[in-house]
């Protein structure tokens, strides 16, 4: 049994945000972090490992420096790390990215009891599309926005969060689950894991390793195979400071200000 976790290294949006002329992010000039929701997905896989002894495989698509992030995930408890990296994959949108990751998961192999975990969404795009698209391309049942997961045999009972409540769903393995931050508290690296992670090999899946998969075509991967067209990318102007109105006559003051601005 395997728990396969898709993880992304993303720009730290609390710092500088830079763009290339084609509208894509200039990731090389930005600080990077592990996507927060993906850490919840990893923790879900590690909890499954604690309960069943399954193998935890982490997969990330990105440039060579993402290897450092993968070693951190090995130090947290993952057993195997795979970096999907190649110039042909650069500039991929959610459609192309899901094609490539699905092909990588196909190469790892999906068993009857296996579970694929993804974070709800990445903070650089906030689309929440890649996980569900991977499930569709792998023909796997999927449950998104998981806030609780319980495994019984070859079935998972998942509490799926909604805007106005939740629903309880039962899904058979193999399946794909997308995880939200309310699901768990990601564990930290430990000393033993930090020492051992440098003795583990980071596997590299490049274009040649995946090109024979039916999902990998030159017109469905990379910037060329991405149907999303970026019209314009920019950093929005910073909002001005707000004003606080205190006292019993705060409502009167607010009405006066709005009237002066001809808003009421």
C-alpha atoms as a PDB file:
ATOM      1  CA  UNK A   1       0.000   0.000   0.000  1.00  0.00           C
ATOM      2  CA  UNK A   2       1.202   3.504  -0.861  1.00  0.00           C
ATOM      3  CA  UNK A   3       0.183   7.025   0.051  1.00  0.00           C
ATOM      4  CA  UNK A   4       1.256   9.307  -2.798  1.00  0.00           C
ATOM      5  CA  UNK A   5       1.445  13.015  -1.991  1.00  0.00           C
ATOM      6  CA  UNK A   6       1.648  15.769  -4.612  1.00  0.00           C
ATOM      7  CA  UNK A   7       3.595  18.720  -3.231  1.00  0.00           C
ATOM      8  CA  UNK A   8       4.487  22.089  -4.727  1.00  0.00           C
ATOM      9  CA  UNK A   9       7.194  24.604  -3.907  1.00  0.00           C
ATOM     10  CA  UNK A  10       5.584  28.034  -4.202  1.00  0.00           C
ATOM     11  CA  UNK A  11       6.739  31.656  -3.972  1.00  0.00           C
ATOM     12  CA  UNK A  12       6.484  33.139  -0.507  1.00  0.00           C
ATOM     13  CA  UNK A  13       3.634  35.557  -1.159  1.00  0.00           C
ATOM     14  CA  UNK A  14       4.404  37.463   2.041  1.00  0.00           C
ATOM     15  CA  UNK A  15       7.519  38.829   0.324  1.00  0.00           C
ATOM     16  CA  UNK A  16       8.481  40.139  -3.111  1.00  0.00           C
ATOM     17  CA  UNK A  17       6.372  39.014  -6.066  1.00  0.00           C
ATOM     18  CA  UNK A  18       7.987  39.220  -9.517  1.00  0.00           C
ATOM     19  CA  UNK A  19       6.711  38.475 -13.022  1.00  0.00           C
ATOM     20  CA  UNK A  20       8.269  37.636 -16.379  1.00  0.00           C
ATOM     21  CA  UNK A  21       7.290  39.515 -19.564  1.00  0.00           C
ATOM     22  CA  UNK A  22       4.995  36.623 -20.575  1.00  0.00           C
ATOM     23  CA  UNK A  23       2.950  37.096 -17.378  1.00  0.00           C
ATOM     24  CA  UNK A  24       4.231  33.986 -15.568  1.00  0.00           C
ATOM     25  CA  UNK A  25       5.862  34.219 -12.156  1.00  0.00           C
ATOM     26  CA  UNK A  26       9.612  34.826 -12.039  1.00  0.00           C
ATOM     27  CA  UNK A  27      10.162  32.114  -9.443  1.00  0.00           C
ATOM     28  CA  UNK A  28      13.960  32.312  -9.579  1.00  0.00           C
ATOM     29  CA  UNK A  29      13.943  35.811  -8.078  1.00  0.00           C
ATOM     30  CA  UNK A  30      11.496  35.043  -5.260  1.00  0.00           C
ATOM     31  CA  UNK A  31      11.781  33.335  -1.886  1.00  0.00           C
ATOM     32  CA  UNK A  32      10.034  29.961  -1.875  1.00  0.00           C
ATOM     33  CA  UNK A  33       8.193  27.825   0.687  1.00  0.00           C
ATOM     34  CA  UNK A  34       6.380  24.512   0.709  1.00  0.00           C
ATOM     35  CA  UNK A  35       2.737  25.083  -0.175  1.00  0.00           C
ATOM     36  CA  UNK A  36       0.892  25.131   3.191  1.00  0.00           C
ATOM     37  CA  UNK A  37      -2.058  22.912   2.210  1.00  0.00           C
ATOM     38  CA  UNK A  38       0.371  20.332   0.819  1.00  0.00           C
ATOM     39  CA  UNK A  39       1.885  19.954   4.294  1.00  0.00           C
ATOM     40  CA  UNK A  40      -1.576  18.966   5.543  1.00  0.00           C
ATOM     41  CA  UNK A  41      -1.749  16.424   2.718  1.00  0.00           C
ATOM     42  CA  UNK A  42       1.640  15.030   3.753  1.00  0.00           C
ATOM     43  CA  UNK A  43       0.530  14.816   7.382  1.00  0.00           C
ATOM     44  CA  UNK A  44      -2.589  12.877   6.312  1.00  0.00           C
ATOM     45  CA  UNK A  45      -0.321  10.415   4.487  1.00  0.00           C
ATOM     46  CA  UNK A  46       2.027  10.133   7.472  1.00  0.00           C
ATOM     47  CA  UNK A  47      -0.902   9.444   9.803  1.00  0.00           C
ATOM     48  CA  UNK A  48      -1.990   6.698   7.403  1.00  0.00           C
ATOM     49  CA  UNK A  49       1.568   5.356   7.539  1.00  0.00           C
ATOM     50  CA  UNK A  50       1.463   5.386  11.355  1.00  0.00           C
ATOM     51  CA  UNK A  51      -1.769   3.373  11.269  1.00  0.00           C
ATOM     52  CA  UNK A  52      -1.015   0.919   8.462  1.00  0.00           C
ATOM     53  CA  UNK A  53       2.729   0.963   7.804  1.00  0.00           C
ATOM     54  CA  UNK A  54       2.203   2.061   4.202  1.00  0.00           C
ATOM     55  CA  UNK A  55       4.912   3.680   2.072  1.00  0.00           C
ATOM     56  CA  UNK A  56       4.690   7.465   1.675  1.00  0.00           C
ATOM     57  CA  UNK A  57       5.836   8.797  -1.708  1.00  0.00           C
ATOM     58  CA  UNK A  58       6.109  12.549  -2.308  1.00  0.00           C
ATOM     59  CA  UNK A  59       6.078  13.938  -5.855  1.00  0.00           C
ATOM     60  CA  UNK A  60       6.822  17.508  -6.860  1.00  0.00           C
ATOM     61  CA  UNK A  61       7.104  19.160 -10.262  1.00  0.00           C
ATOM     62  CA  UNK A  62       9.601  21.994 -10.399  1.00  0.00           C
ATOM     63  CA  UNK A  63      13.197  23.089 -11.004  1.00  0.00           C
ATOM     64  CA  UNK A  64      16.245  21.393  -9.508  1.00  0.00           C
ATOM     65  CA  UNK A  65      16.332  23.563  -6.321  1.00  0.00           C
ATOM     66  CA  UNK A  66      13.035  21.948  -5.246  1.00  0.00           C
ATOM     67  CA  UNK A  67      15.186  18.991  -4.173  1.00  0.00           C
ATOM     68  CA  UNK A  68      15.830  20.831  -0.902  1.00  0.00           C
ATOM     69  CA  UNK A  69      12.116  20.930  -0.147  1.00  0.00           C
ATOM     70  CA  UNK A  70      11.806  17.219  -0.904  1.00  0.00           C
ATOM     71  CA  UNK A  71      14.587  16.430   1.582  1.00  0.00           C
ATOM     72  CA  UNK A  72      12.670  18.368   4.228  1.00  0.00           C
ATOM     73  CA  UNK A  73       9.629  16.207   3.492  1.00  0.00           C
ATOM     74  CA  UNK A  74      11.770  13.071   3.828  1.00  0.00           C
ATOM     75  CA  UNK A  75      12.920  14.440   7.199  1.00  0.00           C
ATOM     76  CA  UNK A  76       9.266  14.763   8.224  1.00  0.00           C
ATOM     77  CA  UNK A  77       8.719  11.057   7.559  1.00  0.00           C
ATOM     78  CA  UNK A  78       8.222  10.439   3.831  1.00  0.00           C
ATOM     79  CA  UNK A  79       9.891   7.294   2.493  1.00  0.00           C
ATOM     80  CA  UNK A  80      10.503   8.204  -1.138  1.00  0.00           C
ATOM     81  CA  UNK A  81      10.829  11.500  -3.008  1.00  0.00           C
ATOM     82  CA  UNK A  82      10.434  12.161  -6.733  1.00  0.00           C
ATOM     83  CA  UNK A  83      11.201  15.416  -8.558  1.00  0.00           C
ATOM     84  CA  UNK A  84       9.485  15.842 -11.922  1.00  0.00           C
ATOM     85  CA  UNK A  85      11.734  18.285 -13.724  1.00  0.00           C
ATOM     86  CA  UNK A  86      12.459  19.195 -17.322  1.00  0.00           C
ATOM     87  CA  UNK A  87      12.607  22.242 -19.569  1.00  0.00           C
ATOM     88  CA  UNK A  88       9.706  20.783 -21.541  1.00  0.00           C
ATOM     89  CA  UNK A  89       7.477  21.130 -18.456  1.00  0.00           C
ATOM     90  CA  UNK A  90       8.201  24.825 -17.839  1.00  0.00           C
ATOM     91  CA  UNK A  91       5.304  27.299 -17.951  1.00  0.00           C
ATOM     92  CA  UNK A  92       2.623  24.640 -17.444  1.00  0.00           C
ATOM     93  CA  UNK A  93      -0.797  25.811 -16.259  1.00  0.00           C
ATOM     94  CA  UNK A  94      -3.123  23.633 -14.173  1.00  0.00           C
ATOM     95  CA  UNK A  95      -4.186  21.529 -17.178  1.00  0.00           C
ATOM     96  CA  UNK A  96      -0.635  20.777 -18.304  1.00  0.00           C
ATOM     97  CA  UNK A  97       0.610  20.322 -14.733  1.00  0.00           C
ATOM     98  CA  UNK A  98      -2.088  17.742 -14.003  1.00  0.00           C
ATOM     99  CA  UNK A  99      -1.155  15.887 -17.211  1.00  0.00           C
ATOM    100  CA  UNK A 100       2.479  15.674 -16.109  1.00  0.00           C
ATOM    101  CA  UNK A 101       1.795  14.751 -12.475  1.00  0.00           C
ATOM    102  CA  UNK A 102      -0.733  12.111 -13.516  1.00  0.00           C
ATOM    103  CA  UNK A 103       1.896  10.578 -15.807  1.00  0.00           C
ATOM    104  CA  UNK A 104       4.406  10.589 -12.935  1.00  0.00           C
ATOM    105  CA  UNK A 105       1.892   8.867 -10.654  1.00  0.00           C
ATOM    106  CA  UNK A 106       1.241   6.317 -13.405  1.00  0.00           C
ATOM    107  CA  UNK A 107       4.969   5.585 -13.477  1.00  0.00           C
ATOM    108  CA  UNK A 108       5.022   5.095  -9.694  1.00  0.00           C
ATOM    109  CA  UNK A 109       1.962   2.869 -10.039  1.00  0.00           C
ATOM    110  CA  UNK A 110      -1.453   2.914  -8.360  1.00  0.00           C
ATOM    111  CA  UNK A 111      -2.399  -0.174  -6.345  1.00  0.00           C
ATOM    112  CA  UNK A 112      -5.861  -1.219  -5.217  1.00  0.00           C
ATOM    113  CA  UNK A 113      -5.334   0.173  -1.694  1.00  0.00           C
ATOM    114  CA  UNK A 114      -3.380   3.299  -2.642  1.00  0.00           C
ATOM    115  CA  UNK A 115      -4.448   6.859  -1.858  1.00  0.00           C
ATOM    116  CA  UNK A 116      -3.283  10.034  -3.599  1.00  0.00           C
ATOM    117  CA  UNK A 117      -3.242  13.126  -1.385  1.00  0.00           C
ATOM    118  CA  UNK A 118      -3.080  16.729  -2.622  1.00  0.00           C
ATOM    119  CA  UNK A 119      -3.385  20.059  -0.891  1.00  0.00           C
ATOM    120  CA  UNK A 120      -6.625  21.922  -1.511  1.00  0.00           C
ATOM    121  CA  UNK A 121      -4.868  24.579  -3.585  1.00  0.00           C
ATOM    122  CA  UNK A 122      -1.550  26.346  -4.059  1.00  0.00           C
ATOM    123  CA  UNK A 123      -1.108  29.863  -2.725  1.00  0.00           C
ATOM    124  CA  UNK A 124       0.460  31.095  -5.980  1.00  0.00           C
ATOM    125  CA  UNK A 125      -2.588  30.317  -8.107  1.00  0.00           C
ATOM    126  CA  UNK A 126      -5.456  29.560  -5.691  1.00  0.00           C
ATOM    127  CA  UNK A 127      -7.285  27.597  -8.393  1.00  0.00           C
ATOM    128  CA  UNK A 128      -7.844  24.289  -6.504  1.00  0.00           C
ATOM    129  CA  UNK A 129      -7.876  22.612  -9.925  1.00  0.00           C
ATOM    130  CA  UNK A 130      -4.789  20.405 -10.118  1.00  0.00           C
ATOM    131  CA  UNK A 131      -5.873  17.757  -7.599  1.00  0.00           C
ATOM    132  CA  UNK A 132      -9.302  17.141  -9.180  1.00  0.00           C
ATOM    133  CA  UNK A 133      -7.769  17.213 -12.679  1.00  0.00           C
ATOM    134  CA  UNK A 134      -5.229  14.548 -11.681  1.00  0.00           C
ATOM    135  CA  UNK A 135      -8.075  12.385 -10.391  1.00  0.00           C
ATOM    136  CA  UNK A 136      -9.968  12.754 -13.674  1.00  0.00           C
ATOM    137  CA  UNK A 137      -6.926  11.831 -15.749  1.00  0.00           C
ATOM    138  CA  UNK A 138      -6.172   8.816 -13.560  1.00  0.00           C
ATOM    139  CA  UNK A 139      -9.878   7.829 -13.529  1.00  0.00           C
ATOM    140  CA  UNK A 140      -9.893   7.871  -9.730  1.00  0.00           C
ATOM    141  CA  UNK A 141     -12.826   8.744  -7.454  1.00  0.00           C
ATOM    142  CA  UNK A 142     -12.087  11.956  -5.595  1.00  0.00           C
ATOM    143  CA  UNK A 143     -13.158  13.867  -2.504  1.00  0.00           C
ATOM    144  CA  UNK A 144     -12.089  17.498  -2.137  1.00  0.00           C
ATOM    145  CA  UNK A 145     -11.853  19.778   0.924  1.00  0.00           C
ATOM    146  CA  UNK A 146     -11.264  16.923   3.383  1.00  0.00           C
ATOM    147  CA  UNK A 147     -11.402  18.018   7.043  1.00  0.00           C
ATOM    148  CA  UNK A 148     -11.351  14.495   8.544  1.00  0.00           C
ATOM    149  CA  UNK A 149     -10.361  11.090   7.146  1.00  0.00           C
ATOM    150  CA  UNK A 150     -10.943   7.639   8.597  1.00  0.00           C
ATOM    151  CA  UNK A 151      -9.785   4.441   6.878  1.00  0.00           C
ATOM    152  CA  UNK A 152     -11.625   1.156   7.304  1.00  0.00           C
ATOM    153  CA  UNK A 153     -10.408  -1.628   5.047  1.00  0.00           C
ATOM    154  CA  UNK A 154     -10.456  -0.447   1.453  1.00  0.00           C
ATOM    155  CA  UNK A 155     -12.840   2.425   2.232  1.00  0.00           C
ATOM    156  CA  UNK A 156     -12.240   5.958   3.465  1.00  0.00           C
ATOM    157  CA  UNK A 157     -14.863   7.948   5.318  1.00  0.00           C
ATOM    158  CA  UNK A 158     -14.226  11.624   4.612  1.00  0.00           C
ATOM    159  CA  UNK A 159     -15.740  14.713   6.196  1.00  0.00           C
ATOM    160  CA  UNK A 160     -15.945  17.203   3.345  1.00  0.00           C
ATOM    161  CA  UNK A 161     -16.196  20.844   4.340  1.00  0.00           C
ATOM    162  CA  UNK A 162     -18.660  23.154   2.603  1.00  0.00           C
ATOM    163  CA  UNK A 163     -19.283  26.879   2.962  1.00  0.00           C
ATOM    164  CA  UNK A 164     -22.369  26.306   5.105  1.00  0.00           C
ATOM    165  CA  UNK A 165     -21.633  22.950   6.756  1.00  0.00           C
ATOM    166  CA  UNK A 166     -20.163  19.579   5.809  1.00  0.00           C
ATOM    167  CA  UNK A 167     -21.025  16.232   4.237  1.00  0.00           C
ATOM    168  CA  UNK A 168     -19.845  12.738   5.114  1.00  0.00           C
ATOM    169  CA  UNK A 169     -18.729  10.641   2.142  1.00  0.00           C
ATOM    170  CA  UNK A 170     -17.474   7.091   1.755  1.00  0.00           C
ATOM    171  CA  UNK A 171     -15.025   6.344  -1.047  1.00  0.00           C
ATOM    172  CA  UNK A 172     -13.229   3.157  -2.039  1.00  0.00           C
ATOM    173  CA  UNK A 173      -9.504   2.991  -2.768  1.00  0.00           C
ATOM    174  CA  UNK A 174      -7.694   3.756  -4.967  1.00  0.00           C
ATOM    175  CA  UNK A 175      -8.833   7.362  -4.708  1.00  0.00           C
ATOM    176  CA  UNK A 176      -7.641  10.964  -4.509  1.00  0.00           C
ATOM    177  CA  UNK A 177      -8.244  13.289  -1.556  1.00  0.00           C
ATOM    178  CA  UNK A 178      -7.565  17.033  -1.415  1.00  0.00           C
ATOM    179  CA  UNK A 179      -6.823  18.325   2.078  1.00  0.00           C
ATOM    180  CA  UNK A 180      -7.524  21.588   3.895  1.00  0.00           C
ATOM    181  CA  UNK A 181      -5.684  23.095   6.860  1.00  0.00           C
ATOM    182  CA  UNK A 182      -8.445  22.092   9.290  1.00  0.00           C
ATOM    183  CA  UNK A 183      -7.637  18.415   8.645  1.00  0.00           C
ATOM    184  CA  UNK A 184      -4.577  18.217  10.915  1.00  0.00           C
ATOM    185  CA  UNK A 185      -1.480  19.883  12.339  1.00  0.00           C
ATOM    186  CA  UNK A 186       1.605  19.081  10.209  1.00  0.00           C
ATOM    187  CA  UNK A 187       4.452  17.543  12.175  1.00  0.00           C
ATOM    188  CA  UNK A 188       7.961  18.991  12.291  1.00  0.00           C
ATOM    189  CA  UNK A 189      11.182  17.452  11.083  1.00  0.00           C
ATOM    190  CA  UNK A 190      13.039  15.447  13.730  1.00  0.00           C
ATOM    191  CA  UNK A 191      16.768  15.004  14.298  1.00  0.00           C
ATOM    192  CA  UNK A 192      16.782  11.378  13.120  1.00  0.00           C
ATOM    193  CA  UNK A 193      14.847  12.310   9.985  1.00  0.00           C
ATOM    194  CA  UNK A 194      17.173  15.218   9.204  1.00  0.00           C
ATOM    195  CA  UNK A 195      20.244  12.972   9.363  1.00  0.00           C
ATOM    196  CA  UNK A 196      18.639  10.162   7.349  1.00  0.00           C
ATOM    197  CA  UNK A 197      17.140  12.343   4.601  1.00  0.00           C
ATOM    198  CA  UNK A 198      20.583  13.052   3.138  1.00  0.00           C
ATOM    199  CA  UNK A 199      21.201   9.343   2.668  1.00  0.00           C
ATOM    200  CA  UNK A 200      18.079   8.942   0.551  1.00  0.00           C
ATOM    201  CA  UNK A 201      18.100   9.404  -3.201  1.00  0.00           C
ATOM    202  CA  UNK A 202      15.859  11.973  -4.864  1.00  0.00           C
ATOM    203  CA  UNK A 203      14.501  10.303  -7.989  1.00  0.00           C
ATOM    204  CA  UNK A 204      14.289  12.489 -11.096  1.00  0.00           C
ATOM    205  CA  UNK A 205      11.510  12.024 -13.647  1.00  0.00           C
ATOM    206  CA  UNK A 206      12.449  14.096 -16.697  1.00  0.00           C
ATOM    207  CA  UNK A 207      10.729  14.315 -20.063  1.00  0.00           C
ATOM    208  CA  UNK A 208      12.450  11.166 -21.333  1.00  0.00           C
ATOM    209  CA  UNK A 209      11.225   9.226 -18.283  1.00  0.00           C
ATOM    210  CA  UNK A 210       7.586  10.189 -18.915  1.00  0.00           C
ATOM    211  CA  UNK A 211       7.354  10.707 -22.668  1.00  0.00           C
ATOM    212  CA  UNK A 212       5.924   7.245 -23.359  1.00  0.00           C
ATOM    213  CA  UNK A 213       2.870   7.894 -21.160  1.00  0.00           C
ATOM    214  CA  UNK A 214      -0.240   8.638 -23.275  1.00  0.00           C
ATOM    215  CA  UNK A 215      -0.789  11.844 -21.265  1.00  0.00           C
ATOM    216  CA  UNK A 216       2.544  13.326 -22.334  1.00  0.00           C
ATOM    217  CA  UNK A 217       2.262  15.051 -25.693  1.00  0.00           C
ATOM    218  CA  UNK A 218       4.167  18.127 -26.831  1.00  0.00           C
ATOM    219  CA  UNK A 219       0.899  20.012 -27.293  1.00  0.00           C
ATOM    220  CA  UNK A 220      -0.478  19.169 -23.826  1.00  0.00           C
ATOM    221  CA  UNK A 221       2.488  20.071 -21.592  1.00  0.00           C
ATOM    222  CA  UNK A 222       4.563  23.136 -20.880  1.00  0.00           C
ATOM    223  CA  UNK A 223       3.685  26.671 -21.916  1.00  0.00           C
ATOM    224  CA  UNK A 224       2.741  25.519 -25.421  1.00  0.00           C
ATOM    225  CA  UNK A 225       0.267  22.971 -24.066  1.00  0.00           C
ATOM    226  CA  UNK A 226      -1.327  25.329 -21.539  1.00  0.00           C
ATOM    227  CA  UNK A 227      -4.734  26.678 -22.651  1.00  0.00           C
ATOM    228  CA  UNK A 228      -4.632  29.406 -19.988  1.00  0.00           C
ATOM    229  CA  UNK A 229      -3.558  32.758 -21.452  1.00  0.00           C
ATOM    230  CA  UNK A 230      -2.321  35.420 -19.041  1.00  0.00           C
ATOM    231  CA  UNK A 231      -3.521  38.837 -20.251  1.00  0.00           C
ATOM    232  CA  UNK A 232      -1.753  40.833 -17.558  1.00  0.00           C
ATOM    233  CA  UNK A 233      -0.039  40.147 -14.250  1.00  0.00           C
ATOM    234  CA  UNK A 234       0.751  42.847 -11.725  1.00  0.00           C
ATOM    235  CA  UNK A 235       1.036  43.576  -8.030  1.00  0.00           C
ATOM    236  CA  UNK A 236      -2.098  45.461  -6.913  1.00  0.00           C
ATOM    237  CA  UNK A 237      -1.538  48.845  -5.278  1.00  0.00           C
ATOM    238  CA  UNK A 238      -1.386  48.831  -1.510  1.00  0.00           C
ATOM    239  CA  UNK A 239      -4.556  49.979   0.169  1.00  0.00           C
ATOM    240  CA  UNK A 240      -4.480  53.085   2.328  1.00  0.00           C
ATOM    241  CA  UNK A 241      -4.812  52.951   6.081  1.00  0.00           C
ATOM    242  CA  UNK A 242      -8.330  52.770   7.470  1.00  0.00           C
ATOM    243  CA  UNK A 243      -9.881  55.120   9.997  1.00  0.00           C
ATOM    244  CA  UNK A 244     -11.337  54.100  13.359  1.00  0.00           C
ATOM    245  CA  UNK A 245     -14.420  55.889  14.647  1.00  0.00           C
ATOM    246  CA  UNK A 246     -15.055  55.657  18.373  1.00  0.00           C
ATOM    247  CA  UNK A 247     -17.630  56.980  20.763  1.00  0.00           C
ATOM    248  CA  UNK A 248     -21.411  56.969  21.015  1.00  0.00           C
ATOM    249  CA  UNK A 249     -21.695  59.212  17.965  1.00  0.00           C
ATOM    250  CA  UNK A 250     -19.589  56.942  15.691  1.00  0.00           C
ATOM    251  CA  UNK A 251     -22.586  56.228  13.458  1.00  0.00           C
ATOM    252  CA  UNK A 252     -23.274  59.946  13.047  1.00  0.00           C
ATOM    253  CA  UNK A 253     -19.626  60.591  12.176  1.00  0.00           C
ATOM    254  CA  UNK A 254     -19.657  57.744   9.636  1.00  0.00           C
ATOM    255  CA  UNK A 255     -22.813  59.062   7.985  1.00  0.00           C
ATOM    256  CA  UNK A 256     -21.249  62.518   7.757  1.00  0.00           C
ATOM    257  CA  UNK A 257     -18.069  61.197   6.123  1.00  0.00           C
ATOM    258  CA  UNK A 258     -20.022  59.114   3.600  1.00  0.00           C
ATOM    259  CA  UNK A 259     -22.227  62.102   2.794  1.00  0.00           C
ATOM    260  CA  UNK A 260     -19.173  64.299   2.161  1.00  0.00           C
ATOM    261  CA  UNK A 261     -17.865  61.702  -0.273  1.00  0.00           C
ATOM    262  CA  UNK A 262     -21.297  61.576  -1.960  1.00  0.00           C
ATOM    263  CA  UNK A 263     -21.571  57.859  -1.194  1.00  0.00           C
ATOM    264  CA  UNK A 264     -24.944  58.266   0.494  1.00  0.00           C
END
